[in-house]
Amino acid sequence: MTETTTTEYKHILINEGNVPFIKGTSMKVVELITSVHAYGWSPEELHFQYPHLSMSQIYSALAYYWEHKEEIDADMQRRFDYAERLRLEAGESPFSKRLRADGLIK
């Protein structure tokens, strides 16, 4: 069984890896915030895109983010750096090479 810790935010729990997530879902707060950063989505748009989340859950996650912004922003940067490192290590895909050779991409 997964261990969780409650927070002062009604809909936010902390998992055993110290990652905040939205209670009753598997969605991490950082995943919701990434959508805000990437697409500029409002709470209403977040609800449209993630209909399994209530507006109360969304606002709770947003409030948690603003109270823990530095920590969550650092987590997002770590995730980006990890993905970028994997992308560079993997090199160009055979498909991209073929498109480049055919002059379809630069």
PDB file of N, CA and C in Angstrom:
ATOM      1  N   MET A   1       0.825  -1.177   0.000  1.00  0.00           N
ATOM      2  CA  MET A   1       0.000   0.000   0.000  1.00  0.00           C
ATOM      3  C   MET A   1       0.873   1.245   0.000  1.00  0.00           C
ATOM      4  N   THR A   2       0.489   2.245  -0.751  1.00  0.00           N
ATOM      5  CA  THR A   2       1.248   3.470  -0.873  1.00  0.00           C
ATOM      6  C   THR A   2       1.009   4.364   0.347  1.00  0.00           C
ATOM      7  N   GLU A   3       2.082   4.874   0.897  1.00  0.00           N
ATOM      8  CA  GLU A   3       1.986   5.796   2.019  1.00  0.00           C
ATOM      9  C   GLU A   3       1.779   7.206   1.490  1.00  0.00           C
ATOM     10  N   THR A   4       0.862   7.945   2.109  1.00  0.00           N
ATOM     11  CA  THR A   4       0.631   9.333   1.736  1.00  0.00           C
ATOM     12  C   THR A   4       0.590  10.193   2.989  1.00  0.00           C
ATOM     13  N   THR A   5       0.858  11.465   2.779  1.00  0.00           N
ATOM     14  CA  THR A   5       0.801  12.446   3.852  1.00  0.00           C
ATOM     15  C   THR A   5      -0.206  13.504   3.460  1.00  0.00           C
ATOM     16  N   THR A   6      -1.006  13.925   4.416  1.00  0.00           N
ATOM     17  CA  THR A   6      -1.972  14.984   4.136  1.00  0.00           C
ATOM     18  C   THR A   6      -1.269  16.339   4.155  1.00  0.00           C
ATOM     19  N   THR A   7      -1.925  17.324   3.554  1.00  0.00           N
ATOM     20  CA  THR A   7      -1.428  18.696   3.563  1.00  0.00           C
ATOM     21  C   THR A   7      -2.548  19.581   4.091  1.00  0.00           C
ATOM     22  N   GLU A   8      -2.283  20.851   4.216  1.00  0.00           N
ATOM     23  CA  GLU A   8      -3.328  21.783   4.644  1.00  0.00           C
ATOM     24  C   GLU A   8      -4.294  22.094   3.502  1.00  0.00           C
ATOM     25  N   TYR A   9      -4.004  21.558   2.316  1.00  0.00           N
ATOM     26  CA  TYR A   9      -4.863  21.746   1.150  1.00  0.00           C
ATOM     27  C   TYR A   9      -5.778  20.534   1.038  1.00  0.00           C
ATOM     28  N   LYS A  10      -7.064  20.788   1.030  1.00  0.00           N
ATOM     29  CA  LYS A  10      -8.069  19.734   1.090  1.00  0.00           C
ATOM     30  C   LYS A  10      -7.853  18.626   0.059  1.00  0.00           C
ATOM     31  N   HIS A  11      -7.461  18.975  -1.143  1.00  0.00           N
ATOM     32  CA  HIS A  11      -7.383  18.003  -2.235  1.00  0.00           C
ATOM     33  C   HIS A  11      -5.955  17.583  -2.599  1.00  0.00           C
ATOM     34  N   ILE A  12      -4.977  17.951  -1.795  1.00  0.00           N
ATOM     35  CA  ILE A  12      -3.587  17.645  -2.126  1.00  0.00           C
ATOM     36  C   ILE A  12      -2.987  16.723  -1.073  1.00  0.00           C
ATOM     37  N   LEU A  13      -2.393  15.631  -1.557  1.00  0.00           N
ATOM     38  CA  LEU A  13      -1.662  14.689  -0.708  1.00  0.00           C
ATOM     39  C   LEU A  13      -0.221  14.635  -1.190  1.00  0.00           C
ATOM     40  N   ILE A  14       0.662  14.133  -0.346  1.00  0.00           N
ATOM     41  CA  ILE A  14       2.071  13.946  -0.700  1.00  0.00           C
ATOM     42  C   ILE A  14       2.347  12.449  -0.686  1.00  0.00           C
ATOM     43  N   ASN A  15       2.910  11.927  -1.798  1.00  0.00           N
ATOM     44  CA  ASN A  15       3.189  10.487  -1.844  1.00  0.00           C
ATOM     45  C   ASN A  15       4.512  10.171  -1.149  1.00  0.00           C
ATOM     46  N   GLU A  16       4.871   8.881  -1.124  1.00  0.00           N
ATOM     47  CA  GLU A  16       6.086   8.453  -0.423  1.00  0.00           C
ATOM     48  C   GLU A  16       7.352   9.023  -1.059  1.00  0.00           C
ATOM     49  N   GLY A  17       7.271   9.464  -2.304  1.00  0.00           N
ATOM     50  CA  GLY A  17       8.408  10.101  -2.965  1.00  0.00           C
ATOM     51  C   GLY A  17       8.444  11.607  -2.734  1.00  0.00           C
ATOM     52  N   ASN A  18       7.601  12.091  -1.834  1.00  0.00           N
ATOM     53  CA  ASN A  18       7.499  13.510  -1.492  1.00  0.00           C
ATOM     54  C   ASN A  18       6.985  14.352  -2.654  1.00  0.00           C
ATOM     55  N   VAL A  19       6.135  13.741  -3.494  1.00  0.00           N
ATOM     56  CA  VAL A  19       5.563  14.423  -4.656  1.00  0.00           C
ATOM     57  C   VAL A  19       4.090  14.722  -4.379  1.00  0.00           C
ATOM     58  N   PRO A  20       3.693  16.004  -4.468  1.00  0.00           N
ATOM     59  CA  PRO A  20       2.284  16.334  -4.240  1.00  0.00           C
ATOM     60  C   PRO A  20       1.413  15.890  -5.416  1.00  0.00           C
ATOM     61  N   PHE A  21       0.256  15.313  -5.088  1.00  0.00           N
ATOM     62  CA  PHE A  21      -0.674  14.890  -6.132  1.00  0.00           C
ATOM     63  C   PHE A  21      -2.097  15.219  -5.693  1.00  0.00           C
ATOM     64  N   ILE A  22      -3.012  15.179  -6.654  1.00  0.00           N
ATOM     65  CA  ILE A  22      -4.399  15.529  -6.390  1.00  0.00           C
ATOM     66  C   ILE A  22      -5.126  14.293  -5.861  1.00  0.00           C
ATOM     67  N   LYS A  23      -5.677  14.435  -4.664  1.00  0.00           N
ATOM     68  CA  LYS A  23      -6.367  13.332  -3.978  1.00  0.00           C
ATOM     69  C   LYS A  23      -7.453  12.723  -4.871  1.00  0.00           C
ATOM     70  N   GLY A  24      -7.509  11.401  -4.901  1.00  0.00           N
ATOM     71  CA  GLY A  24      -8.506  10.696  -5.684  1.00  0.00           C
ATOM     72  C   GLY A  24      -8.112  10.511  -7.139  1.00  0.00           C
ATOM     73  N   THR A  25      -6.909  10.962  -7.497  1.00  0.00           N
ATOM     74  CA  THR A  25      -6.413  10.832  -8.864  1.00  0.00           C
ATOM     75  C   THR A  25      -4.962  10.377  -8.816  1.00  0.00           C
ATOM     76  N   SER A  26      -4.402  10.159  -9.968  1.00  0.00           N
ATOM     77  CA  SER A  26      -2.963   9.886 -10.046  1.00  0.00           C
ATOM     78  C   SER A  26      -2.221  11.111 -10.578  1.00  0.00           C
ATOM     79  N   MET A  27      -2.921  12.240 -10.727  1.00  0.00           N
ATOM     80  CA  MET A  27      -2.310  13.444 -11.309  1.00  0.00           C
ATOM     81  C   MET A  27      -1.483  14.200 -10.273  1.00  0.00           C
ATOM     82  N   LYS A  28      -0.233  14.414 -10.634  1.00  0.00           N
ATOM     83  CA  LYS A  28       0.660  15.198  -9.794  1.00  0.00           C
ATOM     84  C   LYS A  28       0.383  16.683 -10.012  1.00  0.00           C
ATOM     85  N   VAL A  29       0.605  17.468  -8.972  1.00  0.00           N
ATOM     86  CA  VAL A  29       0.432  18.921  -9.083  1.00  0.00           C
ATOM     87  C   VAL A  29       1.328  19.461 -10.198  1.00  0.00           C
ATOM     88  N   VAL A  30       2.541  18.955 -10.299  1.00  0.00           N
ATOM     89  CA  VAL A  30       3.472  19.437 -11.320  1.00  0.00           C
ATOM     90  C   VAL A  30       2.916  19.202 -12.732  1.00  0.00           C
ATOM     91  N   GLU A  31       2.165  18.129 -12.944  1.00  0.00           N
ATOM     92  CA  GLU A  31       1.585  17.859 -14.264  1.00  0.00           C
ATOM     93  C   GLU A  31       0.525  18.896 -14.611  1.00  0.00           C
ATOM     94  N   LEU A  32      -0.284  19.267 -13.634  1.00  0.00           N
ATOM     95  CA  LEU A  32      -1.301  20.289 -13.873  1.00  0.00           C
ATOM     96  C   LEU A  32      -0.635  21.636 -14.162  1.00  0.00           C
ATOM     97  N   ILE A  33       0.385  21.967 -13.388  1.00  0.00           N
ATOM     98  CA  ILE A  33       1.076  23.243 -13.559  1.00  0.00           C
ATOM     99  C   ILE A  33       1.820  23.286 -14.891  1.00  0.00           C
ATOM    100  N   THR A  34       2.331  22.169 -15.340  1.00  0.00           N
ATOM    101  CA  THR A  34       2.988  22.117 -16.648  1.00  0.00           C
ATOM    102  C   THR A  34       2.003  22.518 -17.747  1.00  0.00           C
ATOM    103  N   SER A  35       0.746  22.113 -17.626  1.00  0.00           N
ATOM    104  CA  SER A  35      -0.270  22.509 -18.609  1.00  0.00           C
ATOM    105  C   SER A  35      -0.518  24.014 -18.573  1.00  0.00           C
ATOM    106  N   VAL A  36      -0.479  24.581 -17.385  1.00  0.00           N
ATOM    107  CA  VAL A  36      -0.644  26.035 -17.265  1.00  0.00           C
ATOM    108  C   VAL A  36       0.520  26.743 -17.949  1.00  0.00           C
ATOM    109  N   HIS A  37       1.737  26.285 -17.688  1.00  0.00           N
ATOM    110  CA  HIS A  37       2.924  26.912 -18.270  1.00  0.00           C
ATOM    111  C   HIS A  37       2.996  26.706 -19.788  1.00  0.00           C
ATOM    112  N   ALA A  38       2.689  25.510 -20.232  1.00  0.00           N
ATOM    113  CA  ALA A  38       2.823  25.188 -21.658  1.00  0.00           C
ATOM    114  C   ALA A  38       1.742  25.843 -22.509  1.00  0.00           C
ATOM    115  N   TYR A  39       0.520  25.871 -22.008  1.00  0.00           N
ATOM    116  CA  TYR A  39      -0.600  26.322 -22.827  1.00  0.00           C
ATOM    117  C   TYR A  39      -1.281  27.586 -22.317  1.00  0.00           C
ATOM    118  N   GLY A  40      -0.921  28.038 -21.127  1.00  0.00           N
ATOM    119  CA  GLY A  40      -1.553  29.220 -20.571  1.00  0.00           C
ATOM    120  C   GLY A  40      -3.003  28.997 -20.181  1.00  0.00           C
ATOM    121  N   TRP A  41      -3.341  27.755 -19.849  1.00  0.00           N
ATOM    122  CA  TRP A  41      -4.731  27.424 -19.547  1.00  0.00           C
ATOM    123  C   TRP A  41      -5.200  28.047 -18.241  1.00  0.00           C
ATOM    124  N   SER A  42      -6.404  28.556 -18.258  1.00  0.00           N
ATOM    125  CA  SER A  42      -7.089  29.078 -17.076  1.00  0.00           C
ATOM    126  C   SER A  42      -7.625  27.892 -16.276  1.00  0.00           C
ATOM    127  N   PRO A  43      -8.081  28.127 -15.037  1.00  0.00           N
ATOM    128  CA  PRO A  43      -8.704  27.031 -14.286  1.00  0.00           C
ATOM    129  C   PRO A  43      -9.889  26.408 -15.032  1.00  0.00           C
ATOM    130  N   GLU A  44     -10.662  27.241 -15.702  1.00  0.00           N
ATOM    131  CA  GLU A  44     -11.811  26.722 -16.456  1.00  0.00           C
ATOM    132  C   GLU A  44     -11.347  25.839 -17.616  1.00  0.00           C
ATOM    133  N   GLU A  45     -10.289  26.256 -18.300  1.00  0.00           N
ATOM    134  CA  GLU A  45      -9.758  25.444 -19.403  1.00  0.00           C
ATOM    135  C   GLU A  45      -9.146  24.159 -18.872  1.00  0.00           C
ATOM    136  N   LEU A  46      -8.482  24.227 -17.723  1.00  0.00           N
ATOM    137  CA  LEU A  46      -7.952  23.011 -17.104  1.00  0.00           C
ATOM    138  C   LEU A  46      -9.078  22.026 -16.821  1.00  0.00           C
ATOM    139  N   HIS A  47     -10.197  22.542 -16.334  1.00  0.00           N
ATOM    140  CA  HIS A  47     -11.351  21.679 -16.052  1.00  0.00           C
ATOM    141  C   HIS A  47     -11.906  21.070 -17.348  1.00  0.00           C
ATOM    142  N   PHE A  48     -11.921  21.845 -18.409  1.00  0.00           N
ATOM    143  CA  PHE A  48     -12.384  21.332 -19.700  1.00  0.00           C
ATOM    144  C   PHE A  48     -11.447  20.228 -20.202  1.00  0.00           C
ATOM    145  N   GLN A  49     -10.162  20.454 -20.077  1.00  0.00           N
ATOM    146  CA  GLN A  49      -9.166  19.493 -20.561  1.00  0.00           C
ATOM    147  C   GLN A  49      -9.048  18.263 -19.653  1.00  0.00           C
ATOM    148  N   TYR A  50      -9.289  18.455 -18.365  1.00  0.00           N
ATOM    149  CA  TYR A  50      -9.201  17.374 -17.385  1.00  0.00           C
ATOM    150  C   TYR A  50     -10.544  17.275 -16.648  1.00  0.00           C
ATOM    151  N   PRO A  51     -11.585  16.792 -17.328  1.00  0.00           N
ATOM    152  CA  PRO A  51     -12.931  16.788 -16.726  1.00  0.00           C
ATOM    153  C   PRO A  51     -13.054  15.898 -15.488  1.00  0.00           C
ATOM    154  N   HIS A  52     -12.093  15.014 -15.280  1.00  0.00           N
ATOM    155  CA  HIS A  52     -12.127  14.180 -14.074  1.00  0.00           C
ATOM    156  C   HIS A  52     -11.740  14.964 -12.825  1.00  0.00           C
ATOM    157  N   LEU A  53     -11.219  16.193 -13.005  1.00  0.00           N
ATOM    158  CA  LEU A  53     -10.867  17.044 -11.874  1.00  0.00           C
ATOM    159  C   LEU A  53     -11.989  18.043 -11.618  1.00  0.00           C
ATOM    160  N   SER A  54     -12.319  18.231 -10.367  1.00  0.00           N
ATOM    161  CA  SER A  54     -13.309  19.256 -10.017  1.00  0.00           C
ATOM    162  C   SER A  54     -12.612  20.615  -9.974  1.00  0.00           C
ATOM    163  N   MET A  55     -13.405  21.658 -10.051  1.00  0.00           N
ATOM    164  CA  MET A  55     -12.827  23.004  -9.946  1.00  0.00           C
ATOM    165  C   MET A  55     -12.163  23.169  -8.576  1.00  0.00           C
ATOM    166  N   SER A  56     -12.729  22.571  -7.558  1.00  0.00           N
ATOM    167  CA  SER A  56     -12.141  22.647  -6.226  1.00  0.00           C
ATOM    168  C   SER A  56     -10.758  21.987  -6.200  1.00  0.00           C
ATOM    169  N   GLN A  57     -10.626  20.840  -6.849  1.00  0.00           N
ATOM    170  CA  GLN A  57      -9.323  20.169  -6.921  1.00  0.00           C
ATOM    171  C   GLN A  57      -8.319  21.033  -7.677  1.00  0.00           C
ATOM    172  N   ILE A  58      -8.757  21.637  -8.769  1.00  0.00           N
ATOM    173  CA  ILE A  58      -7.870  22.475  -9.585  1.00  0.00           C
ATOM    174  C   ILE A  58      -7.399  23.681  -8.780  1.00  0.00           C
ATOM    175  N   TYR A  59      -8.321  24.383  -8.146  1.00  0.00           N
ATOM    176  CA  TYR A  59      -7.930  25.557  -7.364  1.00  0.00           C
ATOM    177  C   TYR A  59      -7.046  25.179  -6.184  1.00  0.00           C
ATOM    178  N   SER A  60      -7.280  24.031  -5.580  1.00  0.00           N
ATOM    179  CA  SER A  60      -6.437  23.562  -4.486  1.00  0.00           C
ATOM    180  C   SER A  60      -5.018  23.307  -4.990  1.00  0.00           C
ATOM    181  N   ALA A  61      -4.903  22.671  -6.155  1.00  0.00           N
ATOM    182  CA  ALA A  61      -3.577  22.411  -6.743  1.00  0.00           C
ATOM    183  C   ALA A  61      -2.875  23.717  -7.111  1.00  0.00           C
ATOM    184  N   LEU A  62      -3.617  24.671  -7.657  1.00  0.00           N
ATOM    185  CA  LEU A  62      -3.028  25.963  -8.013  1.00  0.00           C
ATOM    186  C   LEU A  62      -2.559  26.700  -6.756  1.00  0.00           C
ATOM    187  N   ALA A  63      -3.366  26.669  -5.701  1.00  0.00           N
ATOM    188  CA  ALA A  63      -2.970  27.317  -4.448  1.00  0.00           C
ATOM    189  C   ALA A  63      -1.718  26.643  -3.881  1.00  0.00           C
ATOM    190  N   TYR A  64      -1.690  25.316  -3.934  1.00  0.00           N
ATOM    191  CA  TYR A  64      -0.516  24.592  -3.450  1.00  0.00           C
ATOM    192  C   TYR A  64       0.719  25.021  -4.248  1.00  0.00           C
ATOM    193  N   TYR A  65       0.572  25.118  -5.555  1.00  0.00           N
ATOM    194  CA  TYR A  65       1.694  25.539  -6.404  1.00  0.00           C
ATOM    195  C   TYR A  65       2.214  26.914  -5.977  1.00  0.00           C
ATOM    196  N   TRP A  66       1.326  27.875  -5.815  1.00  0.00           N
ATOM    197  CA  TRP A  66       1.778  29.232  -5.494  1.00  0.00           C
ATOM    198  C   TRP A  66       2.436  29.298  -4.121  1.00  0.00           C
ATOM    199  N   GLU A  67       2.046  28.420  -3.220  1.00  0.00           N
ATOM    200  CA  GLU A  67       2.681  28.376  -1.898  1.00  0.00           C
ATOM    201  C   GLU A  67       4.027  27.633  -1.940  1.00  0.00           C
ATOM    202  N   HIS A  68       4.225  26.798  -2.968  1.00  0.00           N
ATOM    203  CA  HIS A  68       5.443  25.980  -3.097  1.00  0.00           C
ATOM    204  C   HIS A  68       6.090  26.172  -4.468  1.00  0.00           C
ATOM    205  N   LYS A  69       5.962  27.358  -5.017  1.00  0.00           N
ATOM    206  CA  LYS A  69       6.384  27.651  -6.389  1.00  0.00           C
ATOM    207  C   LYS A  69       7.851  27.300  -6.651  1.00  0.00           C
ATOM    208  N   GLU A  70       8.733  27.744  -5.788  1.00  0.00           N
ATOM    209  CA  GLU A  70      10.163  27.517  -6.006  1.00  0.00           C
ATOM    210  C   GLU A  70      10.479  26.018  -6.091  1.00  0.00           C
ATOM    211  N   GLU A  71       9.918  25.262  -5.186  1.00  0.00           N
ATOM    212  CA  GLU A  71      10.146  23.815  -5.142  1.00  0.00           C
ATOM    213  C   GLU A  71       9.581  23.119  -6.393  1.00  0.00           C
ATOM    214  N   ILE A  72       8.378  23.479  -6.804  1.00  0.00           N
ATOM    215  CA  ILE A  72       7.746  22.846  -7.962  1.00  0.00           C
ATOM    216  C   ILE A  72       8.405  23.297  -9.259  1.00  0.00           C
ATOM    217  N   ASP A  73       8.782  24.568  -9.339  1.00  0.00           N
ATOM    218  CA  ASP A  73       9.515  25.036 -10.520  1.00  0.00           C
ATOM    219  C   ASP A  73      10.849  24.295 -10.663  1.00  0.00           C
ATOM    220  N   ALA A  74      11.527  24.058  -9.549  1.00  0.00           N
ATOM    221  CA  ALA A  74      12.787  23.302  -9.580  1.00  0.00           C
ATOM    222  C   ALA A  74      12.532  21.870 -10.042  1.00  0.00           C
ATOM    223  N   ASP A  75      11.423  21.270  -9.597  1.00  0.00           N
ATOM    224  CA  ASP A  75      11.062  19.922 -10.042  1.00  0.00           C
ATOM    225  C   ASP A  75      10.806  19.902 -11.546  1.00  0.00           C
ATOM    226  N   MET A  76      10.100  20.908 -12.062  1.00  0.00           N
ATOM    227  CA  MET A  76       9.838  20.973 -13.505  1.00  0.00           C
ATOM    228  C   MET A  76      11.150  21.109 -14.273  1.00  0.00           C
ATOM    229  N   GLN A  77      12.072  21.904 -13.757  1.00  0.00           N
ATOM    230  CA  GLN A  77      13.365  22.074 -14.429  1.00  0.00           C
ATOM    231  C   GLN A  77      14.148  20.767 -14.426  1.00  0.00           C
ATOM    232  N   ARG A  78      14.127  20.048 -13.299  1.00  0.00           N
ATOM    233  CA  ARG A  78      14.813  18.742 -13.228  1.00  0.00           C
ATOM    234  C   ARG A  78      14.225  17.775 -14.250  1.00  0.00           C
ATOM    235  N   ARG A  79      12.906  17.756 -14.374  1.00  0.00           N
ATOM    236  CA  ARG A  79      12.243  16.871 -15.338  1.00  0.00           C
ATOM    237  C   ARG A  79      12.627  17.247 -16.769  1.00  0.00           C
ATOM    238  N   PHE A  80      12.647  18.546 -17.051  1.00  0.00           N
ATOM    239  CA  PHE A  80      13.025  19.000 -18.388  1.00  0.00           C
ATOM    240  C   PHE A  80      14.470  18.608 -18.684  1.00  0.00           C
ATOM    241  N   ASP A  81      15.365  18.862 -17.739  1.00  0.00           N
ATOM    242  CA  ASP A  81      16.782  18.532 -17.941  1.00  0.00           C
ATOM    243  C   ASP A  81      16.970  17.036 -18.180  1.00  0.00           C
ATOM    244  N   TYR A  82      16.244  16.212 -17.449  1.00  0.00           N
ATOM    245  CA  TYR A  82      16.331  14.764 -17.623  1.00  0.00           C
ATOM    246  C   TYR A  82      15.855  14.365 -19.021  1.00  0.00           C
ATOM    247  N   ALA A  83      14.718  14.894 -19.444  1.00  0.00           N
ATOM    248  CA  ALA A  83      14.193  14.576 -20.777  1.00  0.00           C
ATOM    249  C   ALA A  83      15.136  15.062 -21.870  1.00  0.00           C
ATOM    250  N   GLU A  84      15.704  16.231 -21.687  1.00  0.00           N
ATOM    251  CA  GLU A  84      16.637  16.778 -22.679  1.00  0.00           C
ATOM    252  C   GLU A  84      17.899  15.918 -22.757  1.00  0.00           C
ATOM    253  N   ARG A  85      18.397  15.483 -21.615  1.00  0.00           N
ATOM    254  CA  ARG A  85      19.580  14.622 -21.608  1.00  0.00           C
ATOM    255  C   ARG A  85      19.293  13.309 -22.349  1.00  0.00           C
ATOM    256  N   LEU A  86      18.119  12.715 -22.100  1.00  0.00           N
ATOM    257  CA  LEU A  86      17.755  11.472 -22.788  1.00  0.00           C
ATOM    258  C   LEU A  86      17.628  11.702 -24.292  1.00  0.00           C
ATOM    259  N   ARG A  87      17.044  12.845 -24.679  1.00  0.00           N
ATOM    260  CA  ARG A  87      16.888  13.162 -26.097  1.00  0.00           C
ATOM    261  C   ARG A  87      18.249  13.280 -26.775  1.00  0.00           C
ATOM    262  N   LEU A  88      19.176  13.956 -26.119  1.00  0.00           N
ATOM    263  CA  LEU A  88      20.516  14.126 -26.701  1.00  0.00           C
ATOM    264  C   LEU A  88      21.265  12.796 -26.761  1.00  0.00           C
ATOM    265  N   GLU A  89      21.122  11.978 -25.735  1.00  0.00           N
ATOM    266  CA  GLU A  89      21.776  10.671 -25.719  1.00  0.00           C
ATOM    267  C   GLU A  89      21.222   9.752 -26.802  1.00  0.00           C
ATOM    268  N   ALA A  90      19.932   9.856 -27.080  1.00  0.00           N
ATOM    269  CA  ALA A  90      19.301   8.989 -28.076  1.00  0.00           C
ATOM    270  C   ALA A  90      19.735   9.355 -29.490  1.00  0.00           C
ATOM    271  N   GLY A  91      20.069  10.610 -29.699  1.00  0.00           N
ATOM    272  CA  GLY A  91      20.469  11.046 -31.036  1.00  0.00           C
ATOM    273  C   GLY A  91      19.272  11.153 -31.967  1.00  0.00           C
ATOM    274  N   GLU A  92      19.570  11.433 -33.212  1.00  0.00           N
ATOM    275  CA  GLU A  92      18.510  11.619 -34.203  1.00  0.00           C
ATOM    276  C   GLU A  92      17.894  10.276 -34.591  1.00  0.00           C
ATOM    277  N   SER A  93      16.589  10.248 -34.693  1.00  0.00           N
ATOM    278  CA  SER A  93      15.892   9.016 -35.041  1.00  0.00           C
ATOM    279  C   SER A  93      16.085   8.702 -36.526  1.00  0.00           C
ATOM    280  N   PRO A  94      15.987   7.440 -36.905  1.00  0.00           N
ATOM    281  CA  PRO A  94      16.091   7.074 -38.320  1.00  0.00           C
ATOM    282  C   PRO A  94      15.029   7.784 -39.166  1.00  0.00           C
ATOM    283  N   PHE A  95      13.859   7.986 -38.607  1.00  0.00           N
ATOM    284  CA  PHE A  95      12.793   8.677 -39.329  1.00  0.00           C
ATOM    285  C   PHE A  95      13.197  10.127 -39.631  1.00  0.00           C
ATOM    286  N   SER A  96      13.734  10.815 -38.626  1.00  0.00           N
ATOM    287  CA  SER A  96      14.185  12.196 -38.836  1.00  0.00           C
ATOM    288  C   SER A  96      15.310  12.248 -39.866  1.00  0.00           C
ATOM    289  N   LYS A  97      16.212  11.306 -39.802  1.00  0.00           N
ATOM    290  CA  LYS A  97      17.316  11.267 -40.764  1.00  0.00           C
ATOM    291  C   LYS A  97      16.780  11.121 -42.188  1.00  0.00           C
ATOM    292  N   ARG A  98      15.778  10.264 -42.332  1.00  0.00           N
ATOM    293  CA  ARG A  98      15.179  10.062 -43.660  1.00  0.00           C
ATOM    294  C   ARG A  98      14.488  11.333 -44.148  1.00  0.00           C
ATOM    295  N   LEU A  99      13.734  11.983 -43.276  1.00  0.00           N
ATOM    296  CA  LEU A  99      13.081  13.235 -43.665  1.00  0.00           C
ATOM    297  C   LEU A  99      14.101  14.311 -44.042  1.00  0.00           C
ATOM    298  N   ARG A 100      15.198  14.386 -43.273  1.00  0.00           N
ATOM    299  CA  ARG A 100      16.250  15.359 -43.543  1.00  0.00           C
ATOM    300  C   ARG A 100      16.912  15.044 -44.889  1.00  0.00           C
ATOM    301  N   ALA A 101      17.178  13.772 -45.125  1.00  0.00           N
ATOM    302  CA  ALA A 101      17.808  13.368 -46.390  1.00  0.00           C
ATOM    303  C   ALA A 101      16.903  13.677 -47.593  1.00  0.00           C
ATOM    304  N   ASP A 102      15.584  13.588 -47.370  1.00  0.00           N
ATOM    305  CA  ASP A 102      14.633  13.884 -48.444  1.00  0.00           C
ATOM    306  C   ASP A 102      14.345  15.375 -48.563  1.00  0.00           C
ATOM    307  N   GLY A 103      15.002  16.185 -47.698  1.00  0.00           N
ATOM    308  CA  GLY A 103      14.803  17.624 -47.749  1.00  0.00           C
ATOM    309  C   GLY A 103      13.479  18.101 -47.193  1.00  0.00           C
ATOM    310  N   LEU A 104      12.810  17.246 -46.428  1.00  0.00           N
ATOM    311  CA  LEU A 104      11.502  17.610 -45.892  1.00  0.00           C
ATOM    312  C   LEU A 104      11.592  18.379 -44.569  1.00  0.00           C
ATOM    313  N   ILE A 105      12.730  18.250 -43.890  1.00  0.00           N
ATOM    314  CA  ILE A 105      12.976  19.062 -42.689  1.00  0.00           C
ATOM    315  C   ILE A 105      14.406  19.540 -42.744  1.00  0.00           C
ATOM    316  N   LYS A 106      14.702  20.560 -41.955  1.00  0.00           N
ATOM    317  CA  LYS A 106      16.081  21.098 -41.914  1.00  0.00           C
ATOM    318  C   LYS A 106      16.837  20.539 -40.763  1.00  0.00           C
TER     319      LYS A 106
END
